[in-house]
PDB file of N, CA and C in Angstrom:
ATOM      1  N   UNK A   1       0.821  -1.189   0.000  1.00  0.00           N
ATOM      2  CA  UNK A   1       0.000   0.000   0.000  1.00  0.00           C
ATOM      3  C   UNK A   1       0.867   1.256   0.000  1.00  0.00           C
ATOM      4  N   UNK A   2       1.998   1.197   0.716  1.00  0.00           N
ATOM      5  CA  UNK A   2       2.892   2.346   0.782  1.00  0.00           C
ATOM      6  C   UNK A   2       3.513   2.628  -0.588  1.00  0.00           C
ATOM      7  N   UNK A   3       3.843   1.580  -1.333  1.00  0.00           N
ATOM      8  CA  UNK A   3       4.413   1.777  -2.664  1.00  0.00           C
ATOM      9  C   UNK A   3       3.392   2.399  -3.606  1.00  0.00           C
ATOM     10  N   UNK A   4       2.138   2.051  -3.434  1.00  0.00           N
ATOM     11  CA  UNK A   4       1.094   2.638  -4.256  1.00  0.00           C
ATOM     12  C   UNK A   4       0.972   4.130  -3.979  1.00  0.00           C
ATOM     13  N   UNK A   5       1.103   4.520  -2.722  1.00  0.00           N
ATOM     14  CA  UNK A   5       1.072   5.946  -2.383  1.00  0.00           C
ATOM     15  C   UNK A   5       2.254   6.676  -2.997  1.00  0.00           C
ATOM     16  N   UNK A   6       3.436   6.063  -2.935  1.00  0.00           N
ATOM     17  CA  UNK A   6       4.627   6.676  -3.510  1.00  0.00           C
ATOM     18  C   UNK A   6       4.476   6.806  -5.018  1.00  0.00           C
ATOM     19  N   UNK A   7       3.949   5.780  -5.653  1.00  0.00           N
ATOM     20  CA  UNK A   7       3.737   5.824  -7.095  1.00  0.00           C
ATOM     21  C   UNK A   7       2.736   6.918  -7.463  1.00  0.00           C
ATOM     22  N   UNK A   8       1.672   7.052  -6.697  1.00  0.00           N
ATOM     23  CA  UNK A   8       0.668   8.079  -6.967  1.00  0.00           C
ATOM     24  C   UNK A   8       1.248   9.481  -6.772  1.00  0.00           C
ATOM     25  N   UNK A   9       2.035   9.674  -5.700  1.00  0.00           N
ATOM     26  CA  UNK A   9       2.643  10.983  -5.474  1.00  0.00           C
ATOM     27  C   UNK A   9       3.635  11.312  -6.581  1.00  0.00           C
ATOM     28  N   UNK A  10       4.364  10.311  -7.076  1.00  0.00           N
ATOM     29  CA  UNK A  10       5.290  10.540  -8.172  1.00  0.00           C
ATOM     30  C   UNK A  10       4.533  10.933  -9.430  1.00  0.00           C
ATOM     31  N   UNK A  11       3.420  10.270  -9.696  1.00  0.00           N
ATOM     32  CA  UNK A  11       2.618  10.602 -10.869  1.00  0.00           C
ATOM     33  C   UNK A  11       2.123  12.036 -10.784  1.00  0.00           C
ATOM     34  N   UNK A  12       1.605  12.418  -9.622  1.00  0.00           N
ATOM     35  CA  UNK A  12       1.051  13.764  -9.460  1.00  0.00           C
ATOM     36  C   UNK A  12       2.145  14.827  -9.484  1.00  0.00           C
ATOM     37  N   UNK A  13       3.305  14.510  -8.934  1.00  0.00           N
ATOM     38  CA  UNK A  13       4.352  15.511  -8.807  1.00  0.00           C
ATOM     39  C   UNK A  13       5.296  15.619  -9.977  1.00  0.00           C
ATOM     40  N   UNK A  14       5.483  14.540 -10.737  1.00  0.00           N
ATOM     41  CA  UNK A  14       6.488  14.545 -11.788  1.00  0.00           C
ATOM     42  C   UNK A  14       5.865  14.365 -13.168  1.00  0.00           C
ATOM     43  N   UNK A  15       5.111  13.303 -13.336  1.00  0.00           N
ATOM     44  CA  UNK A  15       4.649  12.978 -14.675  1.00  0.00           C
ATOM     45  C   UNK A  15       3.475  13.827 -15.136  1.00  0.00           C
ATOM     46  N   UNK A  16       2.565  14.181 -14.249  1.00  0.00           N
ATOM     47  CA  UNK A  16       1.417  14.995 -14.653  1.00  0.00           C
ATOM     48  C   UNK A  16       1.835  16.397 -15.103  1.00  0.00           C
ATOM     49  N   UNK A  17       2.734  17.105 -14.385  1.00  0.00           N
ATOM     50  CA  UNK A  17       3.184  18.403 -14.908  1.00  0.00           C
ATOM     51  C   UNK A  17       3.920  18.281 -16.241  1.00  0.00           C
ATOM     52  N   UNK A  18       4.674  17.201 -16.417  1.00  0.00           N
ATOM     53  CA  UNK A  18       5.356  17.003 -17.696  1.00  0.00           C
ATOM     54  C   UNK A  18       4.340  16.820 -18.815  1.00  0.00           C
ATOM     55  N   UNK A  19       3.270  16.121 -18.531  1.00  0.00           N
ATOM     56  CA  UNK A  19       2.207  15.946 -19.511  1.00  0.00           C
ATOM     57  C   UNK A  19       1.552  17.283 -19.845  1.00  0.00           C
ATOM     58  N   UNK A  20       1.345  18.126 -18.842  1.00  0.00           N
ATOM     59  CA  UNK A  20       0.741  19.437 -19.076  1.00  0.00           C
ATOM     60  C   UNK A  20       1.650  20.313 -19.934  1.00  0.00           C
ATOM     61  N   UNK A  21       2.949  20.292 -19.651  1.00  0.00           N
ATOM     62  CA  UNK A  21       3.897  21.076 -20.451  1.00  0.00           C
ATOM     63  C   UNK A  21       3.940  20.557 -21.875  1.00  0.00           C
ATOM     64  N   UNK A  22       3.909  19.249 -22.028  1.00  0.00           N
ATOM     65  CA  UNK A  22       3.934  18.670 -23.366  1.00  0.00           C
ATOM     66  C   UNK A  22       2.671  19.033 -24.137  1.00  0.00           C
ATOM     67  N   UNK A  23       1.529  19.095 -23.463  1.00  0.00           N
ATOM     68  CA  UNK A  23       0.294  19.476 -24.149  1.00  0.00           C
ATOM     69  C   UNK A  23       0.341  20.932 -24.576  1.00  0.00           C
ATOM     70  N   UNK A  24       0.949  21.808 -23.767  1.00  0.00           N
ATOM     71  CA  UNK A  24       1.113  23.191 -24.178  1.00  0.00           C
ATOM     72  C   UNK A  24       2.024  23.283 -25.391  1.00  0.00           C
ATOM     73  N   UNK A  25       3.069  22.459 -25.401  1.00  0.00           N
ATOM     74  CA  UNK A  25       3.989  22.459 -26.525  1.00  0.00           C
ATOM     75  C   UNK A  25       3.288  21.978 -27.788  1.00  0.00           C
ATOM     76  N   UNK A  26       2.420  20.985 -27.670  1.00  0.00           N
ATOM     77  CA  UNK A  26       1.688  20.490 -28.825  1.00  0.00           C
ATOM     78  C   UNK A  26       0.799  21.587 -29.388  1.00  0.00           C
ATOM     79  N   UNK A  27       0.193  22.396 -28.516  1.00  0.00           N
ATOM     80  CA  UNK A  27      -0.678  23.460 -28.986  1.00  0.00           C
ATOM     81  C   UNK A  27       0.117  24.535 -29.727  1.00  0.00           C
ATOM     82  N   UNK A  28       1.369  24.753 -29.353  1.00  0.00           N
ATOM     83  CA  UNK A  28       2.173  25.803 -29.964  1.00  0.00           C
ATOM     84  C   UNK A  28       2.892  25.327 -31.221  1.00  0.00           C
ATOM     85  N   UNK A  29       3.338  24.080 -31.250  1.00  0.00           N
ATOM     86  CA  UNK A  29       4.133  23.584 -32.373  1.00  0.00           C
ATOM     87  C   UNK A  29       3.511  22.299 -32.892  1.00  0.00           C
ATOM     88  N   UNK A  30       4.285  21.569 -33.631  1.00  0.00           N
ATOM     89  CA  UNK A  30       3.809  20.315 -34.209  1.00  0.00           C
ATOM     90  C   UNK A  30       3.596  19.255 -33.132  1.00  0.00           C
ATOM     91  N   UNK A  31       2.754  18.311 -33.405  1.00  0.00           N
ATOM     92  CA  UNK A  31       2.463  17.239 -32.449  1.00  0.00           C
ATOM     93  C   UNK A  31       3.688  16.370 -32.200  1.00  0.00           C
ATOM     94  N   UNK A  32       4.526  16.220 -33.196  1.00  0.00           N
ATOM     95  CA  UNK A  32       5.713  15.376 -33.031  1.00  0.00           C
ATOM     96  C   UNK A  32       6.670  15.953 -31.995  1.00  0.00           C
ATOM     97  N   UNK A  33       6.828  17.262 -31.988  1.00  0.00           N
ATOM     98  CA  UNK A  33       7.721  17.889 -31.015  1.00  0.00           C
ATOM     99  C   UNK A  33       7.178  17.709 -29.600  1.00  0.00           C
ATOM    100  N   UNK A  34       5.880  17.871 -29.431  1.00  0.00           N
ATOM    101  CA  UNK A  34       5.276  17.691 -28.113  1.00  0.00           C
ATOM    102  C   UNK A  34       5.422  16.270 -27.610  1.00  0.00           C
ATOM    103  N   UNK A  35       5.222  15.314 -28.507  1.00  0.00           N
ATOM    104  CA  UNK A  35       5.391  13.914 -28.110  1.00  0.00           C
ATOM    105  C   UNK A  35       6.842  13.600 -27.789  1.00  0.00           C
ATOM    106  N   UNK A  36       7.773  14.272 -28.454  1.00  0.00           N
ATOM    107  CA  UNK A  36       9.188  14.079 -28.142  1.00  0.00           C
ATOM    108  C   UNK A  36       9.519  14.552 -26.744  1.00  0.00           C
ATOM    109  N   UNK A  37       8.993  15.737 -26.385  1.00  0.00           N
ATOM    110  CA  UNK A  37       9.204  16.242 -25.028  1.00  0.00           C
ATOM    111  C   UNK A  37       8.546  15.336 -23.987  1.00  0.00           C
ATOM    112  N   UNK A  38       7.363  14.852 -24.317  1.00  0.00           N
ATOM    113  CA  UNK A  38       6.663  13.959 -23.395  1.00  0.00           C
ATOM    114  C   UNK A  38       7.430  12.658 -23.209  1.00  0.00           C
ATOM    115  N   UNK A  39       7.941  12.100 -24.291  1.00  0.00           N
ATOM    116  CA  UNK A  39       8.684  10.845 -24.172  1.00  0.00           C
ATOM    117  C   UNK A  39       9.984  11.042 -23.393  1.00  0.00           C
ATOM    118  N   UNK A  40      10.628  12.179 -23.559  1.00  0.00           N
ATOM    119  CA  UNK A  40      11.841  12.451 -22.781  1.00  0.00           C
ATOM    120  C   UNK A  40      11.507  12.578 -21.295  1.00  0.00           C
ATOM    121  N   UNK A  41      10.400  13.235 -20.987  1.00  0.00           N
ATOM    122  CA  UNK A  41       9.999  13.376 -19.587  1.00  0.00           C
ATOM    123  C   UNK A  41       9.636  12.031 -18.975  1.00  0.00           C
ATOM    124  N   UNK A  42       8.955  11.195 -19.727  1.00  0.00           N
ATOM    125  CA  UNK A  42       8.601   9.870 -19.218  1.00  0.00           C
ATOM    126  C   UNK A  42       9.845   9.013 -19.028  1.00  0.00           C
ATOM    127  N   UNK A  43      10.817   9.127 -19.944  1.00  0.00           N
ATOM    128  CA  UNK A  43      12.056   8.354 -19.807  1.00  0.00           C
ATOM    129  C   UNK A  43      12.788   8.717 -18.522  1.00  0.00           C
ATOM    130  N   UNK A  44      12.891  10.005 -18.236  1.00  0.00           N
ATOM    131  CA  UNK A  44      13.583  10.440 -17.023  1.00  0.00           C
ATOM    132  C   UNK A  44      12.765  10.078 -15.785  1.00  0.00           C
ATOM    133  N   UNK A  45      11.458  10.333 -15.825  1.00  0.00           N
ATOM    134  CA  UNK A  45      10.618  10.060 -14.655  1.00  0.00           C
ATOM    135  C   UNK A  45      10.555   8.589 -14.301  1.00  0.00           C
ATOM    136  N   UNK A  46      10.350   7.752 -15.295  1.00  0.00           N
ATOM    137  CA  UNK A  46      10.235   6.319 -15.025  1.00  0.00           C
ATOM    138  C   UNK A  46      11.563   5.722 -14.574  1.00  0.00           C
ATOM    139  N   UNK A  47      12.659   6.146 -15.203  1.00  0.00           N
ATOM    140  CA  UNK A  47      13.952   5.597 -14.787  1.00  0.00           C
ATOM    141  C   UNK A  47      14.334   6.072 -13.388  1.00  0.00           C
ATOM    142  N   UNK A  48      13.991   7.299 -13.052  1.00  0.00           N
ATOM    143  CA  UNK A  48      14.283   7.794 -11.713  1.00  0.00           C
ATOM    144  C   UNK A  48      13.445   7.083 -10.660  1.00  0.00           C
ATOM    145  N   UNK A  49      12.184   6.833 -10.994  1.00  0.00           N
ATOM    146  CA  UNK A  49      11.327   6.087 -10.071  1.00  0.00           C
ATOM    147  C   UNK A  49      11.860   4.665  -9.872  1.00  0.00           C
ATOM    148  N   UNK A  50      12.251   4.013 -10.952  1.00  0.00           N
ATOM    149  CA  UNK A  50      12.816   2.671 -10.848  1.00  0.00           C
ATOM    150  C   UNK A  50      14.114   2.650 -10.068  1.00  0.00           C
ATOM    151  N   UNK A  51      14.956   3.651 -10.296  1.00  0.00           N
ATOM    152  CA  UNK A  51      16.226   3.716  -9.563  1.00  0.00           C
ATOM    153  C   UNK A  51      15.986   3.959  -8.086  1.00  0.00           C
ATOM    154  N   UNK A  52      15.006   4.787  -7.767  1.00  0.00           N
ATOM    155  CA  UNK A  52      14.704   5.042  -6.360  1.00  0.00           C
ATOM    156  C   UNK A  52      14.228   3.799  -5.643  1.00  0.00           C
ATOM    157  N   UNK A  53      13.356   3.055  -6.291  1.00  0.00           N
ATOM    158  CA  UNK A  53      12.886   1.799  -5.688  1.00  0.00           C
ATOM    159  C   UNK A  53      14.022   0.786  -5.555  1.00  0.00           C
ATOM    160  N   UNK A  54      14.879   0.717  -6.574  1.00  0.00           N
ATOM    161  CA  UNK A  54      15.993  -0.232  -6.522  1.00  0.00           C
ATOM    162  C   UNK A  54      16.979   0.134  -5.418  1.00  0.00           C
ATOM    163  N   UNK A  55      17.294   1.419  -5.299  1.00  0.00           N
ATOM    164  CA  UNK A  55      18.232   1.846  -4.255  1.00  0.00           C
ATOM    165  C   UNK A  55      17.630   1.615  -2.871  1.00  0.00           C
ATOM    166  N   UNK A  56      16.319   1.792  -2.740  1.00  0.00           N
ATOM    167  CA  UNK A  56      15.684   1.551  -1.449  1.00  0.00           C
ATOM    168  C   UNK A  56      15.820   0.097  -1.031  1.00  0.00           C
ATOM    169  N   UNK A  57      15.565  -0.802  -1.950  1.00  0.00           N
ATOM    170  CA  UNK A  57      15.637  -2.234  -1.629  1.00  0.00           C
ATOM    171  C   UNK A  57      17.087  -2.667  -1.421  1.00  0.00           C
ATOM    172  N   UNK A  58      17.959  -2.294  -2.355  1.00  0.00           N
ATOM    173  CA  UNK A  58      19.358  -2.715  -2.270  1.00  0.00           C
ATOM    174  C   UNK A  58      20.051  -2.036  -1.088  1.00  0.00           C
ATOM    175  N   UNK A  59      19.730  -0.769  -0.844  1.00  0.00           N
ATOM    176  CA  UNK A  59      20.366  -0.060   0.271  1.00  0.00           C
ATOM    177  C   UNK A  59      19.995  -0.652   1.614  1.00  0.00           C
ATOM    178  N   UNK A  60      18.728  -1.025   1.778  1.00  0.00           N
ATOM    179  CA  UNK A  60      18.314  -1.642   3.040  1.00  0.00           C
ATOM    180  C   UNK A  60      19.018  -2.983   3.250  1.00  0.00           C
ATOM    181  N   UNK A  61      19.094  -3.768   2.190  1.00  0.00           N
ATOM    182  CA  UNK A  61      19.783  -5.060   2.302  1.00  0.00           C
ATOM    183  C   UNK A  61      21.283  -4.865   2.542  1.00  0.00           C
ATOM    184  N   UNK A  62      21.859  -3.862   1.901  1.00  0.00           N
ATOM    185  CA  UNK A  62      23.292  -3.615   2.074  1.00  0.00           C
ATOM    186  C   UNK A  62      23.607  -3.174   3.499  1.00  0.00           C
ATOM    187  N   UNK A  63      22.777  -2.323   4.056  1.00  0.00           N
ATOM    188  CA  UNK A  63      23.021  -1.878   5.429  1.00  0.00           C
ATOM    189  C   UNK A  63      22.886  -3.036   6.422  1.00  0.00           C
ATOM    190  N   UNK A  64      21.951  -3.933   6.155  1.00  0.00           N
ATOM    191  CA  UNK A  64      21.819  -5.110   7.007  1.00  0.00           C
ATOM    192  C   UNK A  64      23.034  -6.013   6.912  1.00  0.00           C
ATOM    193  N   UNK A  65      23.551  -6.186   5.683  1.00  0.00           N
ATOM    194  CA  UNK A  65      24.732  -7.028   5.493  1.00  0.00           C
ATOM    195  C   UNK A  65      25.970  -6.390   6.114  1.00  0.00           C
ATOM    196  N   UNK A  66      26.101  -5.071   5.986  1.00  0.00           N
ATOM    197  CA  UNK A  66      27.261  -4.383   6.564  1.00  0.00           C
ATOM    198  C   UNK A  66      27.203  -4.430   8.090  1.00  0.00           C
ATOM    199  N   UNK A  67      26.007  -4.394   8.638  1.00  0.00           N
ATOM    200  CA  UNK A  67      25.869  -4.495  10.088  1.00  0.00           C
ATOM    201  C   UNK A  67      26.357  -5.826  10.617  1.00  0.00           C
ATOM    202  N   UNK A  68      26.172  -6.883   9.832  1.00  0.00           N
ATOM    203  CA  UNK A  68      26.635  -8.204  10.266  1.00  0.00           C
ATOM    204  C   UNK A  68      28.088  -8.455   9.910  1.00  0.00           C
ATOM    205  N   UNK A  69      28.503  -8.010   8.708  1.00  0.00           N
ATOM    206  CA  UNK A  69      29.884  -8.220   8.256  1.00  0.00           C
ATOM    207  C   UNK A  69      30.411  -6.897   7.696  1.00  0.00           C
ATOM    208  N   UNK A  70      31.166  -6.143   8.469  1.00  0.00           N
ATOM    209  CA  UNK A  70      31.646  -4.835   8.002  1.00  0.00           C
ATOM    210  C   UNK A  70      32.571  -4.901   6.787  1.00  0.00           C
ATOM    211  N   UNK A  71      33.146  -6.030   6.511  1.00  0.00           N
ATOM    212  CA  UNK A  71      34.051  -6.131   5.355  1.00  0.00           C
ATOM    213  C   UNK A  71      33.320  -6.158   4.013  1.00  0.00           C
ATOM    214  N   UNK A  72      32.004  -6.145   4.026  1.00  0.00           N
ATOM    215  CA  UNK A  72      31.219  -6.156   2.793  1.00  0.00           C
ATOM    216  C   UNK A  72      30.875  -4.757   2.275  1.00  0.00           C
ATOM    217  N   UNK A  73      31.521  -3.733   2.813  1.00  0.00           N
ATOM    218  CA  UNK A  73      31.191  -2.356   2.423  1.00  0.00           C
ATOM    219  C   UNK A  73      31.444  -2.135   0.935  1.00  0.00           C
ATOM    220  N   UNK A  74      32.557  -2.581   0.425  1.00  0.00           N
ATOM    221  CA  UNK A  74      32.889  -2.378  -0.996  1.00  0.00           C
ATOM    222  C   UNK A  74      31.896  -3.024  -1.932  1.00  0.00           C
ATOM    223  N   UNK A  75      31.536  -4.253  -1.656  1.00  0.00           N
ATOM    224  CA  UNK A  75      30.557  -4.950  -2.493  1.00  0.00           C
ATOM    225  C   UNK A  75      29.187  -4.280  -2.419  1.00  0.00           C
ATOM    226  N   UNK A  76      28.807  -3.832  -1.245  1.00  0.00           N
ATOM    227  CA  UNK A  76      27.505  -3.186  -1.082  1.00  0.00           C
ATOM    228  C   UNK A  76      27.443  -1.888  -1.882  1.00  0.00           C
ATOM    229  N   UNK A  77      28.523  -1.114  -1.867  1.00  0.00           N
ATOM    230  CA  UNK A  77      28.539   0.133  -2.635  1.00  0.00           C
ATOM    231  C   UNK A  77      28.459  -0.122  -4.130  1.00  0.00           C
ATOM    232  N   UNK A  78      29.044  -1.195  -4.595  1.00  0.00           N
ATOM    233  CA  UNK A  78      28.961  -1.534  -6.020  1.00  0.00           C
ATOM    234  C   UNK A  78      27.514  -1.814  -6.416  1.00  0.00           C
ATOM    235  N   UNK A  79      26.800  -2.562  -5.601  1.00  0.00           N
ATOM    236  CA  UNK A  79      25.406  -2.878  -5.929  1.00  0.00           C
ATOM    237  C   UNK A  79      24.515  -1.635  -5.868  1.00  0.00           C
ATOM    238  N   UNK A  80      24.783  -0.752  -4.943  1.00  0.00           N
ATOM    239  CA  UNK A  80      24.011   0.487  -4.866  1.00  0.00           C
ATOM    240  C   UNK A  80      24.296   1.364  -6.088  1.00  0.00           C
ATOM    241  N   UNK A  81      25.548   1.394  -6.506  1.00  0.00           N
ATOM    242  CA  UNK A  81      25.911   2.158  -7.707  1.00  0.00           C
ATOM    243  C   UNK A  81      25.265   1.602  -8.965  1.00  0.00           C
ATOM    244  N   UNK A  82      25.174   0.282  -9.050  1.00  0.00           N
ATOM    245  CA  UNK A  82      24.504  -0.326 -10.205  1.00  0.00           C
ATOM    246  C   UNK A  82      23.019   0.018 -10.232  1.00  0.00           C
ATOM    247  N   UNK A  83      22.412   0.052  -9.073  1.00  0.00           N
ATOM    248  CA  UNK A  83      20.990   0.415  -9.014  1.00  0.00           C
ATOM    249  C   UNK A  83      20.797   1.881  -9.391  1.00  0.00           C
ATOM    250  N   UNK A  84      21.714   2.737  -8.993  1.00  0.00           N
ATOM    251  CA  UNK A  84      21.604   4.166  -9.315  1.00  0.00           C
ATOM    252  C   UNK A  84      21.866   4.427 -10.798  1.00  0.00           C
ATOM    253  N   UNK A  85      22.584   3.538 -11.444  1.00  0.00           N
ATOM    254  CA  UNK A  85      22.858   3.691 -12.869  1.00  0.00           C
ATOM    255  C   UNK A  85      21.607   3.687 -13.729  1.00  0.00           C
ATOM    256  N   UNK A  86      20.527   3.123 -13.239  1.00  0.00           N
ATOM    257  CA  UNK A  86      19.275   3.095 -13.991  1.00  0.00           C
ATOM    258  C   UNK A  86      18.807   4.511 -14.296  1.00  0.00           C
ATOM    259  N   UNK A  87      18.930   5.417 -13.346  1.00  0.00           N
ATOM    260  CA  UNK A  87      18.510   6.813 -13.555  1.00  0.00           C
ATOM    261  C   UNK A  87      19.385   7.484 -14.607  1.00  0.00           C
ATOM    262  N   UNK A  88      20.662   7.171 -14.602  1.00  0.00           N
ATOM    263  CA  UNK A  88      21.572   7.764 -15.581  1.00  0.00           C
ATOM    264  C   UNK A  88      21.228   7.277 -16.986  1.00  0.00           C
ATOM    265  N   UNK A  89      20.857   6.000 -17.118  1.00  0.00           N
ATOM    266  CA  UNK A  89      20.464   5.494 -18.432  1.00  0.00           C
ATOM    267  C   UNK A  89      19.231   6.217 -18.945  1.00  0.00           C
ATOM    268  N   UNK A  90      18.271   6.474 -18.085  1.00  0.00           N
ATOM    269  CA  UNK A  90      17.076   7.210 -18.492  1.00  0.00           C
ATOM    270  C   UNK A  90      17.403   8.624 -18.927  1.00  0.00           C
ATOM    271  N   UNK A  91      18.331   9.277 -18.226  1.00  0.00           N
ATOM    272  CA  UNK A  91      18.745  10.622 -18.598  1.00  0.00           C
ATOM    273  C   UNK A  91      19.441  10.628 -19.954  1.00  0.00           C
ATOM    274  N   UNK A  92      20.259   9.630 -20.211  1.00  0.00           N
ATOM    275  CA  UNK A  92      20.937   9.538 -21.500  1.00  0.00           C
ATOM    276  C   UNK A  92      19.916   9.347 -22.632  1.00  0.00           C
ATOM    277  N   UNK A  93      18.934   8.499 -22.421  1.00  0.00           N
ATOM    278  CA  UNK A  93      17.896   8.281 -23.438  1.00  0.00           C
ATOM    279  C   UNK A  93      17.121   9.565 -23.678  1.00  0.00           C
ATOM    280  N   UNK A  94      16.806  10.303 -22.606  1.00  0.00           N
ATOM    281  CA  UNK A  94      16.083  11.569 -22.767  1.00  0.00           C
ATOM    282  C   UNK A  94      16.910  12.575 -23.562  1.00  0.00           C
ATOM    283  N   UNK A  95      18.200  12.646 -23.301  1.00  0.00           N
ATOM    284  CA  UNK A  95      19.055  13.550 -24.060  1.00  0.00           C
ATOM    285  C   UNK A  95      19.122  13.148 -25.535  1.00  0.00           C
ATOM    286  N   UNK A  96      19.139  11.849 -25.798  1.00  0.00           N
ATOM    287  CA  UNK A  96      19.127  11.393 -27.188  1.00  0.00           C
ATOM    288  C   UNK A  96      17.831  11.764 -27.883  1.00  0.00           C
ATOM    289  N   UNK A  97      16.709  11.653 -27.160  1.00  0.00           N
ATOM    290  CA  UNK A  97      15.419  12.030 -27.734  1.00  0.00           C
ATOM    291  C   UNK A  97      15.378  13.526 -28.017  1.00  0.00           C
ATOM    292  N   UNK A  98      15.834  14.326 -27.051  1.00  0.00           N
ATOM    293  CA  UNK A  98      15.814  15.780 -27.224  1.00  0.00           C
ATOM    294  C   UNK A  98      16.757  16.247 -28.324  1.00  0.00           C
ATOM    295  N   UNK A  99      17.808  15.498 -28.556  1.00  0.00           N
ATOM    296  CA  UNK A  99      18.741  15.839 -29.633  1.00  0.00           C
ATOM    297  C   UNK A  99      18.075  15.689 -31.002  1.00  0.00           C
ATOM    298  N   UNK A 100      17.143  14.778 -31.116  1.00  0.00           N
ATOM    299  CA  UNK A 100      16.448  14.538 -32.387  1.00  0.00           C
ATOM    300  C   UNK A 100      15.378  15.586 -32.686  1.00  0.00           C
ATOM    301  N   UNK A 101      14.970  16.380 -31.693  1.00  0.00           N
ATOM    302  CA  UNK A 101      13.893  17.358 -31.913  1.00  0.00           C
ATOM    303  C   UNK A 101      14.379  18.586 -32.635  1.00  0.00           C
TER     304      UNK A 101
END
């Protein structure tokens, strides 16, 4: 239930304003440009949401493992970094989309 609340707040706070901006852009210019902006916003929003959920799960598990075995700090940081990389991939895709506009 808590994840559903987080997902709803993310939709209201991030994706809905991006949709509104994209609709304004569609009214001013061609529909293709507006859809490009919308797709870039969705790429960043969805990848950031996924990265946040991944870091939450991996970070909690990593802290538990480090509490039991302190020598696992290096491995835990690698897994957290891999989870955070998801957001960077979304940003790169958004930049590629915006470059085409």
